[in-house]
Every structure is written in structure tokens, then in C-alpha cells.
C-alpha atoms as a PDB file:
ATOM      1  CA  MET A   1       0.000   0.000   0.000  1.00  0.00           C
ATOM      2  CA  SER A   2       1.333   3.390  -0.934  1.00  0.00           C
ATOM      3  CA  ILE A   3       2.126   5.893   1.802  1.00  0.00           C
ATOM      4  CA  LYS A   4      -0.057   8.469   0.028  1.00  0.00           C
ATOM      5  CA  LEU A   5      -3.098   6.217   0.190  1.00  0.00           C
ATOM      6  CA  LEU A   6      -2.411   5.494   3.832  1.00  0.00           C
ATOM      7  CA  MET A   7      -2.179   9.206   4.625  1.00  0.00           C
ATOM      8  CA  LEU A   8      -5.330   9.892   2.602  1.00  0.00           C
ATOM      9  CA  GLY A   9      -7.226   7.307   4.618  1.00  0.00           C
ATOM     10  CA  GLY A  10      -5.893   8.748   7.872  1.00  0.00           C
ATOM     11  CA  VAL A  11      -6.952  12.271   6.981  1.00  0.00           C
ATOM     12  CA  PHE A  12     -10.386  11.009   5.967  1.00  0.00           C
ATOM     13  CA  VAL A  13     -10.867   9.137   9.255  1.00  0.00           C
ATOM     14  CA  ILE A  14      -9.794  12.182  11.281  1.00  0.00           C
ATOM     15  CA  ALA A  15     -12.151  14.427   9.281  1.00  0.00           C
ATOM     16  CA  VAL A  16     -15.101  12.085   9.801  1.00  0.00           C
ATOM     17  CA  ALA A  17     -14.326  11.838  13.524  1.00  0.00           C
ATOM     18  CA  GLY A  18     -14.143  15.631  13.762  1.00  0.00           C
ATOM     19  CA  VAL A  19     -17.563  15.967  12.164  1.00  0.00           C
ATOM     20  CA  ALA A  20     -19.154  13.137  14.148  1.00  0.00           C
ATOM     21  CA  LEU A  21     -17.823  14.169  17.571  1.00  0.00           C
ATOM     22  CA  PRO A  22     -20.088  17.221  18.052  1.00  0.00           C
ATOM     23  CA  TRP A  23     -23.090  15.210  16.860  1.00  0.00           C
ATOM     24  CA  CYS A  24     -22.440  12.437  19.369  1.00  0.00           C
ATOM     25  CA  ALA A  25     -21.554  14.577  22.369  1.00  0.00           C
ATOM     26  CA  GLN A  26     -23.663  17.695  22.343  1.00  0.00           C
ATOM     27  CA  GLY A  27     -23.029  19.900  25.288  1.00  0.00           C
ATOM     28  CA  ARG A  28     -21.977  23.275  26.561  1.00  0.00           C
ATOM     29  CA  GLU A  29     -18.286  22.611  25.908  1.00  0.00           C
ATOM     30  CA  PHE A  30     -18.800  22.268  22.169  1.00  0.00           C
ATOM     31  CA  THR A  31     -20.937  25.405  22.017  1.00  0.00           C
ATOM     32  CA  LEU A  32     -18.236  27.406  23.771  1.00  0.00           C
ATOM     33  CA  GLY A  33     -15.623  25.845  21.516  1.00  0.00           C
ATOM     34  CA  ASN A  34     -17.550  26.905  18.425  1.00  0.00           C
ATOM     35  CA  LEU A  35     -17.880  30.446  19.762  1.00  0.00           C
ATOM     36  CA  PHE A  36     -14.173  30.596  20.516  1.00  0.00           C
ATOM     37  CA  SER A  37     -13.172  29.224  17.113  1.00  0.00           C
ATOM     38  CA  GLY A  38     -15.439  31.746  15.356  1.00  0.00           C
ATOM     39  CA  GLY A  39     -13.723  34.571  17.221  1.00  0.00           C
ATOM     40  CA  VAL A  40     -10.304  33.202  16.332  1.00  0.00           C
ATOM     41  CA  ARG A  41     -11.247  33.043  12.642  1.00  0.00           C
ATOM     42  CA  LEU A  42     -12.608  36.583  12.714  1.00  0.00           C
ATOM     43  CA  ALA A  43      -9.443  37.900  14.365  1.00  0.00           C
ATOM     44  CA  GLU A  44      -7.294  36.002  11.863  1.00  0.00           C
ATOM     45  CA  ALA A  45      -9.197  37.486   8.950  1.00  0.00           C
ATOM     46  CA  LEU A  46      -9.048  41.009  10.344  1.00  0.00           C
ATOM     47  CA  CYS A  47      -5.346  40.851  11.191  1.00  0.00           C
ATOM     48  CA  HIS A  48      -3.988  39.028   8.157  1.00  0.00           C
ATOM     49  CA  LEU A  49      -6.393  38.844   5.248  1.00  0.00           C
ATOM     50  CA  LEU A  50      -8.185  42.186   5.196  1.00  0.00           C
ATOM     51  CA  HIS A  51      -4.989  44.202   4.796  1.00  0.00           C
ATOM     52  CA  ASP A  52      -3.886  42.112   1.812  1.00  0.00           C
ATOM     53  CA  ALA A  53      -7.337  42.437   0.249  1.00  0.00           C
ATOM     54  CA  GLN A  54      -7.255  46.207   0.637  1.00  0.00           C
ATOM     55  CA  ASP A  55      -3.814  46.325  -1.004  1.00  0.00           C
ATOM     56  CA  GLY A  56      -5.021  44.228  -3.930  1.00  0.00           C
ATOM     57  CA  ILE A  57      -8.147  46.275  -4.459  1.00  0.00           C
ATOM     58  CA  GLY A  58      -6.085  49.438  -4.019  1.00  0.00           C
ATOM     59  CA  ASP A  59      -3.991  48.368  -7.012  1.00  0.00           C
ATOM     60  CA  ALA A  60      -7.156  47.935  -9.070  1.00  0.00           C
ATOM     61  CA  ILE A  61      -8.345  51.382  -8.012  1.00  0.00           C
ATOM     62  CA  ASP A  62      -5.005  52.874  -9.077  1.00  0.00           C
ATOM     63  CA  ASP A  63      -5.441  51.253 -12.489  1.00  0.00           C
ATOM     64  CA  GLY A  64      -8.805  53.001 -12.818  1.00  0.00           C
ATOM     65  CA  THR A  65     -10.862  49.818 -12.946  1.00  0.00           C
ATOM     66  CA  LEU A  66     -12.742  50.509  -9.689  1.00  0.00           C
ATOM     67  CA  ASP A  67     -14.066  53.694  -8.192  1.00  0.00           C
ATOM     68  CA  GLY A  68     -13.181  54.913  -4.691  1.00  0.00           C
ATOM     69  CA  PHE A  69     -15.726  52.727  -2.876  1.00  0.00           C
ATOM     70  CA  PRO A  70     -14.193  50.608  -0.063  1.00  0.00           C
ATOM     71  CA  TRP A  71     -14.860  47.244  -1.678  1.00  0.00           C
ATOM     72  CA  ALA A  72     -12.542  45.135   0.486  1.00  0.00           C
ATOM     73  CA  PRO A  73     -14.259  45.870   3.829  1.00  0.00           C
ATOM     74  CA  LEU A  74     -17.692  45.463   2.220  1.00  0.00           C
ATOM     75  CA  LEU A  75     -16.845  42.072   0.744  1.00  0.00           C
ATOM     76  CA  PHE A  76     -15.205  41.004   3.995  1.00  0.00           C
ATOM     77  CA  GLY A  77     -18.294  41.931   5.993  1.00  0.00           C
ATOM     78  CA  LEU A  78     -20.649  40.185   3.587  1.00  0.00           C
ATOM     79  CA  GLY A  79     -18.459  37.090   3.569  1.00  0.00           C
ATOM     80  CA  TYR A  80     -18.421  36.928   7.350  1.00  0.00           C
ATOM     81  CA  LEU A  81     -22.176  37.396   7.632  1.00  0.00           C
ATOM     82  CA  PHE A  82     -23.032  34.781   5.042  1.00  0.00           C
END
């Protein structure tokens, strides 16, 4: 058996266990964990991704392809809400 197939199977088993664990053991701990992980993702996006998005859209604005509307924060906010 190839090592790649073995690793693929391992990743699949871990992914299925990660999805099944909250279904099997519903409780306050998992709710708090979900809230915490959502906050971590929001902070990660604000600290790392939003600045790069604003730089990229700023280049498009300099080229004259977009007007002066702040597209990056709008798209970020819509993406987080939906």
C-alpha cells in the first residue's frame, strides 16, 4: 500500500471523527468551543487577510478599474455574515 493512500485514509478518518464528535456529544463545551473558534477566525481574517485584500483592491483602483468605494471591507463583511 502506498504511503499516500495510507495518509489519505488517515486524513479522511480524522475528518469524519471531527464531524461526528459534536453530533455524538452535544453539550456546553462544544458550544463554547464553536464560539471561541469563530472569534479566532474573525481575528485572523481582520489581522492578516483584510490588509492584503485592501492592497489588492487598491492596485485595481489605481489602475482606474474601480471607483473609490471601499470594496474590500464590504466584501469582507458580507463574507463573514453569510
